[in-house]
C-alpha atoms as a PDB file:
ATOM      1  CA  MET A   1     -28.651  -1.218 -27.087  1.00  0.00           C
ATOM      2  CA  ILE A   2     -26.538  -3.330 -28.492  1.00  0.00           C
ATOM      3  CA  LYS A   3     -24.067  -1.105 -26.545  1.00  0.00           C
ATOM      4  CA  LEU A   4     -25.755  -1.332 -23.697  1.00  0.00           C
ATOM      5  CA  GLU A   5     -25.856  -5.004 -23.461  1.00  0.00           C
ATOM      6  CA  ALA A   6     -22.108  -5.798 -24.394  1.00  0.00           C
ATOM      7  CA  PHE A   7     -21.699  -2.883 -21.073  1.00  0.00           C
ATOM      8  CA  LEU A   8     -23.667  -5.281 -19.129  1.00  0.00           C
ATOM      9  CA  VAL A   9     -22.186  -8.128 -20.232  1.00  0.00           C
ATOM     10  CA  VAL A  10     -18.671  -7.044 -19.758  1.00  0.00           C
ATOM     11  CA  LEU A  11     -19.747  -5.628 -16.042  1.00  0.00           C
ATOM     12  CA  SER A  12     -20.840  -8.908 -15.179  1.00  0.00           C
ATOM     13  CA  PHE A  13     -18.064 -10.722 -16.176  1.00  0.00           C
ATOM     14  CA  ALA A  14     -15.620  -8.165 -14.209  1.00  0.00           C
ATOM     15  CA  LEU A  15     -18.088  -8.195 -10.851  1.00  0.00           C
ATOM     16  CA  THR A  16     -17.686 -12.440 -11.447  1.00  0.00           C
ATOM     17  CA  LEU A  17     -13.960 -12.131 -11.893  1.00  0.00           C
ATOM     18  CA  TYR A  18     -13.360  -9.907  -8.769  1.00  0.00           C
ATOM     19  CA  CYS A  19     -15.505 -12.096  -6.568  1.00  0.00           C
ATOM     20  CA  PHE A  20     -13.817 -15.244  -7.287  1.00  0.00           C
ATOM     21  CA  ILE A  21     -10.090 -13.644  -7.185  1.00  0.00           C
ATOM     22  CA  ASP A  22     -11.807 -12.556  -3.817  1.00  0.00           C
ATOM     23  CA  CYS A  23     -12.819 -15.162  -2.616  1.00  0.00           C
ATOM     24  CA  ALA A  24      -9.975 -17.057  -3.877  1.00  0.00           C
ATOM     25  CA  GLN A  25      -7.572 -15.358  -1.780  1.00  0.00           C
ATOM     26  CA  LYS A  26      -9.404 -15.114   1.975  1.00  0.00           C
ATOM     27  CA  ASP A  27      -8.673 -17.607   4.281  1.00  0.00           C
ATOM     28  CA  GLU A  28     -11.176 -19.940   5.516  1.00  0.00           C
ATOM     29  CA  THR A  29     -12.010 -18.378   8.625  1.00  0.00           C
ATOM     30  CA  GLN A  30     -12.772 -14.981   6.894  1.00  0.00           C
ATOM     31  CA  LEU A  31     -15.907 -16.357   5.146  1.00  0.00           C
ATOM     32  CA  ARG A  32     -19.307 -15.987   6.132  1.00  0.00           C
ATOM     33  CA  ASN A  33     -22.148 -18.992   5.582  1.00  0.00           C
ATOM     34  CA  LEU A  34     -20.298 -21.311   3.076  1.00  0.00           C
ATOM     35  CA  PRO A  35     -16.824 -23.024   3.243  1.00  0.00           C
ATOM     36  CA  LYS A  36     -14.595 -21.444   0.600  1.00  0.00           C
ATOM     37  CA  TRP A  37     -14.759 -24.581  -2.028  1.00  0.00           C
ATOM     38  CA  GLY A  38     -18.522 -23.739  -1.686  1.00  0.00           C
ATOM     39  CA  TRP A  39     -18.880 -19.703  -2.079  1.00  0.00           C
ATOM     40  CA  LEU A  40     -16.010 -20.430  -5.654  1.00  0.00           C
ATOM     41  CA  LEU A  41     -18.421 -22.500  -6.889  1.00  0.00           C
ATOM     42  CA  VAL A  42     -21.681 -20.297  -6.601  1.00  0.00           C
ATOM     43  CA  ILE A  43     -19.221 -17.590  -7.919  1.00  0.00           C
ATOM     44  CA  LEU A  44     -18.113 -19.390 -10.904  1.00  0.00           C
ATOM     45  CA  PHE A  45     -21.351 -21.208 -11.583  1.00  0.00           C
ATOM     46  CA  ILE A  46     -24.437 -18.810 -10.959  1.00  0.00           C
ATOM     47  CA  SER A  47     -22.026 -16.093 -12.284  1.00  0.00           C
ATOM     48  CA  THR A  48     -24.366 -12.492 -11.250  1.00  0.00           C
ATOM     49  CA  ILE A  49     -26.493 -13.511  -8.927  1.00  0.00           C
ATOM     50  CA  GLY A  50     -23.658 -15.885  -6.803  1.00  0.00           C
ATOM     51  CA  SER A  51     -22.030 -12.787  -7.164  1.00  0.00           C
ATOM     52  CA  ILE A  52     -23.958 -10.568  -5.465  1.00  0.00           C
ATOM     53  CA  ALA A  53     -24.432 -12.972  -2.854  1.00  0.00           C
ATOM     54  CA  TYR A  54     -20.970 -13.379  -2.045  1.00  0.00           C
ATOM     55  CA  LEU A  55     -21.051  -9.697  -1.672  1.00  0.00           C
ATOM     56  CA  ILE A  56     -24.316  -9.907   0.917  1.00  0.00           C
ATOM     57  CA  ALA A  57     -23.783 -12.692   2.437  1.00  0.00           C
ATOM     58  CA  GLY A  58     -20.399 -14.366   2.316  1.00  0.00           C
ATOM     59  CA  ARG A  59     -17.966 -11.398   3.292  1.00  0.00           C
ATOM     60  CA  PRO A  60     -17.269 -10.527   7.267  1.00  0.00           C
ATOM     61  CA  LYS A  61     -18.662  -7.293   7.748  1.00  0.00           C
ATOM     62  CA  GLY A  62     -16.149  -4.636   8.610  1.00  0.00           C
ATOM     63  CA  ASN A  63     -13.234  -5.374   6.639  1.00  0.00           C
ATOM     64  CA  LYS A  64     -11.013  -2.705   8.493  1.00  0.00           C
ATOM     65  CA  GLY A  65      -7.747  -3.759  10.228  1.00  0.00           C
ATOM     66  CA  PRO A  66      -7.790  -5.862  13.044  1.00  0.00           C
ATOM     67  CA  LYS A  67     -10.573  -6.957  14.907  1.00  0.00           C
ATOM     68  CA  GLY A  68     -10.478  -5.692  18.891  1.00  0.00           C
ATOM     69  CA  PRO A  69     -10.145  -3.172  20.935  1.00  0.00           C
ATOM     70  CA  LYS A  70      -7.190  -0.712  20.549  1.00  0.00           C
ATOM     71  CA  ARG A  71      -3.959  -0.740  22.506  1.00  0.00           C
ATOM     72  CA  ARG A  72      -3.400   2.645  24.196  1.00  0.00           C
ATOM     73  CA  ILE A  73       0.409   3.358  24.377  1.00  0.00           C
ATOM     74  CA  LEU A  74       1.583   4.611  27.697  1.00  0.00           C
ATOM     75  CA  PRO A  75       4.426   6.672  28.653  1.00  0.00           C
ATOM     76  CA  PRO A  76       7.285   4.711  30.468  1.00  0.00           C
ATOM     77  CA  ASP A  77       6.019   5.962  34.109  1.00  0.00           C
ATOM     78  CA  ASP A  78       2.844   5.166  33.551  1.00  0.00           C
ATOM     79  CA  ASP A  79       3.426   2.133  32.380  1.00  0.00           C
ATOM     80  CA  PRO A  80       2.678  -0.888  35.389  1.00  0.00           C
ATOM     81  CA  ASP A  81       5.526  -3.401  33.944  1.00  0.00           C
ATOM     82  CA  PHE A  82       8.156  -1.564  33.058  1.00  0.00           C
ATOM     83  CA  LEU A  83       7.587   0.787  36.603  1.00  0.00           C
ATOM     84  CA  ARG A  84       8.112  -3.234  38.189  1.00  0.00           C
ATOM     85  CA  LYS A  85      11.229  -3.555  36.068  1.00  0.00           C
ATOM     86  CA  LEU A  86      12.764  -0.666  38.105  1.00  0.00           C
END
């Protein structure tokens, strides 16, 4: 039983540390619902519940690459800018 409790304490500490570092490295514009300093205080003082709240409500949805539509690469004979320069 003591091993399980120790594992849960270590897991809680690791989650809190991960969320604190992740929040500290994010730009202010990437965080939702609270300013950066607010999330850092929530994570630090409320620990596990604050970390879970940050993961659910603080991080932006879809952290995968730049936002916006992908630009299609055109060959030179189809590119209007290239054709104007001829």
